[in-house]
């Protein structure tokens, strides 16, 4: 069953909650056990969903983020993560996350 689920997620844009590196969104390219590789991954440093929606990651995966109230740095080409949660996104959520302005980091 695990391989079937893994195969359904490969190549999809997903949100990944990690053990110790926070939350990332990107295209899942490889999964082996809890280890995953994401391409074009953006860290969701701080996020809020559009007004009136839940602030859960499940809501982010469905509704996307509120750009004015979220902090999303530049994408990295590839990141290796230890995942504890993988959530496929809707097309609207993907567009929202990928289109978020890059935050200024100090």
C-alpha atoms as a PDB file:
ATOM      1  CA  UNK A   1       0.000   0.000   0.000  1.00  0.00           C
ATOM      2  CA  UNK A   2       2.839   2.422   0.839  1.00  0.00           C
ATOM      3  CA  UNK A   3       4.374   2.122  -2.646  1.00  0.00           C
ATOM      4  CA  UNK A   4       0.968   2.788  -4.209  1.00  0.00           C
ATOM      5  CA  UNK A   5       0.555   5.956  -2.134  1.00  0.00           C
ATOM      6  CA  UNK A   6       4.146   7.027  -2.884  1.00  0.00           C
ATOM      7  CA  UNK A   7       3.569   6.570  -6.627  1.00  0.00           C
ATOM      8  CA  UNK A   8       0.424   8.713  -6.493  1.00  0.00           C
ATOM      9  CA  UNK A   9       2.356  11.572  -4.893  1.00  0.00           C
ATOM     10  CA  UNK A  10       5.497  11.536  -7.042  1.00  0.00           C
ATOM     11  CA  UNK A  11       5.558  14.478  -9.414  1.00  0.00           C
ATOM     12  CA  UNK A  12       2.821  16.301  -7.473  1.00  0.00           C
ATOM     13  CA  UNK A  13       3.107  19.679  -5.803  1.00  0.00           C
ATOM     14  CA  UNK A  14       2.883  19.014  -2.063  1.00  0.00           C
ATOM     15  CA  UNK A  15       3.298  20.586   1.346  1.00  0.00           C
ATOM     16  CA  UNK A  16       5.703  18.742   3.632  1.00  0.00           C
ATOM     17  CA  UNK A  17       5.858  19.156   7.392  1.00  0.00           C
ATOM     18  CA  UNK A  18       9.265  17.991   8.610  1.00  0.00           C
ATOM     19  CA  UNK A  19      10.632  16.706  11.891  1.00  0.00           C
ATOM     20  CA  UNK A  20      12.935  19.651  12.472  1.00  0.00           C
ATOM     21  CA  UNK A  21      13.178  21.901   9.398  1.00  0.00           C
ATOM     22  CA  UNK A  22       9.694  23.400   9.370  1.00  0.00           C
ATOM     23  CA  UNK A  23       7.309  23.346   6.415  1.00  0.00           C
ATOM     24  CA  UNK A  24       8.125  23.323   2.697  1.00  0.00           C
ATOM     25  CA  UNK A  25       6.077  23.296  -0.504  1.00  0.00           C
ATOM     26  CA  UNK A  26       7.429  21.900  -3.756  1.00  0.00           C
ATOM     27  CA  UNK A  27       7.311  19.101  -6.291  1.00  0.00           C
ATOM     28  CA  UNK A  28       7.892  15.673  -4.762  1.00  0.00           C
ATOM     29  CA  UNK A  29      10.524  13.908  -6.856  1.00  0.00           C
ATOM     30  CA  UNK A  30      11.666  11.085  -4.579  1.00  0.00           C
ATOM     31  CA  UNK A  31      10.300   9.355  -1.483  1.00  0.00           C
ATOM     32  CA  UNK A  32      11.954   6.552   0.467  1.00  0.00           C
ATOM     33  CA  UNK A  33      10.443   5.857   3.858  1.00  0.00           C
ATOM     34  CA  UNK A  34      10.277   9.234   5.607  1.00  0.00           C
ATOM     35  CA  UNK A  35      12.955  10.790   3.403  1.00  0.00           C
ATOM     36  CA  UNK A  36      11.762  12.986   0.542  1.00  0.00           C
ATOM     37  CA  UNK A  37      13.291  15.221  -2.107  1.00  0.00           C
ATOM     38  CA  UNK A  38      11.419  18.328  -3.240  1.00  0.00           C
ATOM     39  CA  UNK A  39      12.286  20.368  -6.324  1.00  0.00           C
ATOM     40  CA  UNK A  40      11.657  24.106  -6.547  1.00  0.00           C
ATOM     41  CA  UNK A  41      10.834  24.106  -2.849  1.00  0.00           C
ATOM     42  CA  UNK A  42       9.799  27.132  -0.832  1.00  0.00           C
ATOM     43  CA  UNK A  43       9.886  27.195   2.950  1.00  0.00           C
ATOM     44  CA  UNK A  44       6.612  28.346   4.474  1.00  0.00           C
ATOM     45  CA  UNK A  45       8.247  30.398   7.201  1.00  0.00           C
ATOM     46  CA  UNK A  46       5.012  31.983   8.366  1.00  0.00           C
ATOM     47  CA  UNK A  47       1.643  31.543   6.713  1.00  0.00           C
ATOM     48  CA  UNK A  48      -1.886  32.771   6.881  1.00  0.00           C
ATOM     49  CA  UNK A  49      -4.711  31.644   4.643  1.00  0.00           C
ATOM     50  CA  UNK A  50      -7.261  33.987   3.055  1.00  0.00           C
ATOM     51  CA  UNK A  51      -9.642  35.609   5.557  1.00  0.00           C
ATOM     52  CA  UNK A  52     -12.271  33.374   7.033  1.00  0.00           C
ATOM     53  CA  UNK A  53     -10.348  30.139   6.456  1.00  0.00           C
ATOM     54  CA  UNK A  54      -8.632  27.822   8.940  1.00  0.00           C
ATOM     55  CA  UNK A  55      -4.889  28.366   9.501  1.00  0.00           C
ATOM     56  CA  UNK A  56      -4.069  24.653   9.270  1.00  0.00           C
ATOM     57  CA  UNK A  57      -1.700  23.268   6.653  1.00  0.00           C
ATOM     58  CA  UNK A  58      -4.649  21.353   5.233  1.00  0.00           C
ATOM     59  CA  UNK A  59      -6.335  24.689   4.553  1.00  0.00           C
ATOM     60  CA  UNK A  60      -3.136  26.024   2.968  1.00  0.00           C
ATOM     61  CA  UNK A  61      -3.074  22.946   0.690  1.00  0.00           C
ATOM     62  CA  UNK A  62      -6.636  23.698  -0.439  1.00  0.00           C
ATOM     63  CA  UNK A  63      -6.941  27.507  -0.283  1.00  0.00           C
ATOM     64  CA  UNK A  64      -3.370  28.773  -0.609  1.00  0.00           C
ATOM     65  CA  UNK A  65      -1.940  31.658   1.392  1.00  0.00           C
ATOM     66  CA  UNK A  66      -2.592  35.329   2.017  1.00  0.00           C
ATOM     67  CA  UNK A  67       0.473  36.991   0.487  1.00  0.00           C
ATOM     68  CA  UNK A  68       0.261  40.081   2.695  1.00  0.00           C
ATOM     69  CA  UNK A  69       0.332  38.053   5.916  1.00  0.00           C
ATOM     70  CA  UNK A  70       2.741  35.249   4.967  1.00  0.00           C
ATOM     71  CA  UNK A  71       6.532  35.016   4.873  1.00  0.00           C
ATOM     72  CA  UNK A  72       7.890  32.823   2.064  1.00  0.00           C
ATOM     73  CA  UNK A  73      11.593  32.943   1.054  1.00  0.00           C
ATOM     74  CA  UNK A  74      13.076  32.178  -2.379  1.00  0.00           C
ATOM     75  CA  UNK A  75      12.714  28.690  -3.796  1.00  0.00           C
ATOM     76  CA  UNK A  76      15.655  26.307  -3.656  1.00  0.00           C
ATOM     77  CA  UNK A  77      16.338  23.943  -6.548  1.00  0.00           C
ATOM     78  CA  UNK A  78      16.330  20.811  -4.402  1.00  0.00           C
ATOM     79  CA  UNK A  79      15.926  20.016  -0.714  1.00  0.00           C
ATOM     80  CA  UNK A  80      16.164  16.726   1.196  1.00  0.00           C
ATOM     81  CA  UNK A  81      13.732  16.462   4.100  1.00  0.00           C
ATOM     82  CA  UNK A  82      12.556  14.002   6.702  1.00  0.00           C
ATOM     83  CA  UNK A  83       8.789  14.200   6.373  1.00  0.00           C
ATOM     84  CA  UNK A  84       6.150  13.565   8.982  1.00  0.00           C
ATOM     85  CA  UNK A  85       3.263  14.855   6.868  1.00  0.00           C
ATOM     86  CA  UNK A  86       2.817  15.173   3.098  1.00  0.00           C
ATOM     87  CA  UNK A  87      -0.266  16.969   1.765  1.00  0.00           C
ATOM     88  CA  UNK A  88      -1.032  17.265  -1.969  1.00  0.00           C
ATOM     89  CA  UNK A  89      -2.155  20.764  -2.973  1.00  0.00           C
ATOM     90  CA  UNK A  90      -4.868  22.040  -5.253  1.00  0.00           C
ATOM     91  CA  UNK A  91      -3.839  23.953  -8.375  1.00  0.00           C
ATOM     92  CA  UNK A  92      -5.087  27.157  -6.733  1.00  0.00           C
ATOM     93  CA  UNK A  93      -2.944  26.586  -3.646  1.00  0.00           C
ATOM     94  CA  UNK A  94       0.113  25.834  -5.774  1.00  0.00           C
ATOM     95  CA  UNK A  95      -0.380  29.022  -7.776  1.00  0.00           C
ATOM     96  CA  UNK A  96      -0.750  30.990  -4.546  1.00  0.00           C
ATOM     97  CA  UNK A  97       2.411  29.583  -2.954  1.00  0.00           C
ATOM     98  CA  UNK A  98       4.544  29.833  -6.090  1.00  0.00           C
ATOM     99  CA  UNK A  99       3.295  33.373  -6.685  1.00  0.00           C
ATOM    100  CA  UNK A 100       4.022  34.624  -3.182  1.00  0.00           C
ATOM    101  CA  UNK A 101       6.455  37.531  -3.103  1.00  0.00           C
ATOM    102  CA  UNK A 102       9.904  36.668  -1.768  1.00  0.00           C
ATOM    103  CA  UNK A 103      10.352  37.848   1.802  1.00  0.00           C
ATOM    104  CA  UNK A 104      13.360  39.922   2.737  1.00  0.00           C
ATOM    105  CA  UNK A 105      15.549  37.996   5.172  1.00  0.00           C
ATOM    106  CA  UNK A 106      18.058  39.604   7.491  1.00  0.00           C
END
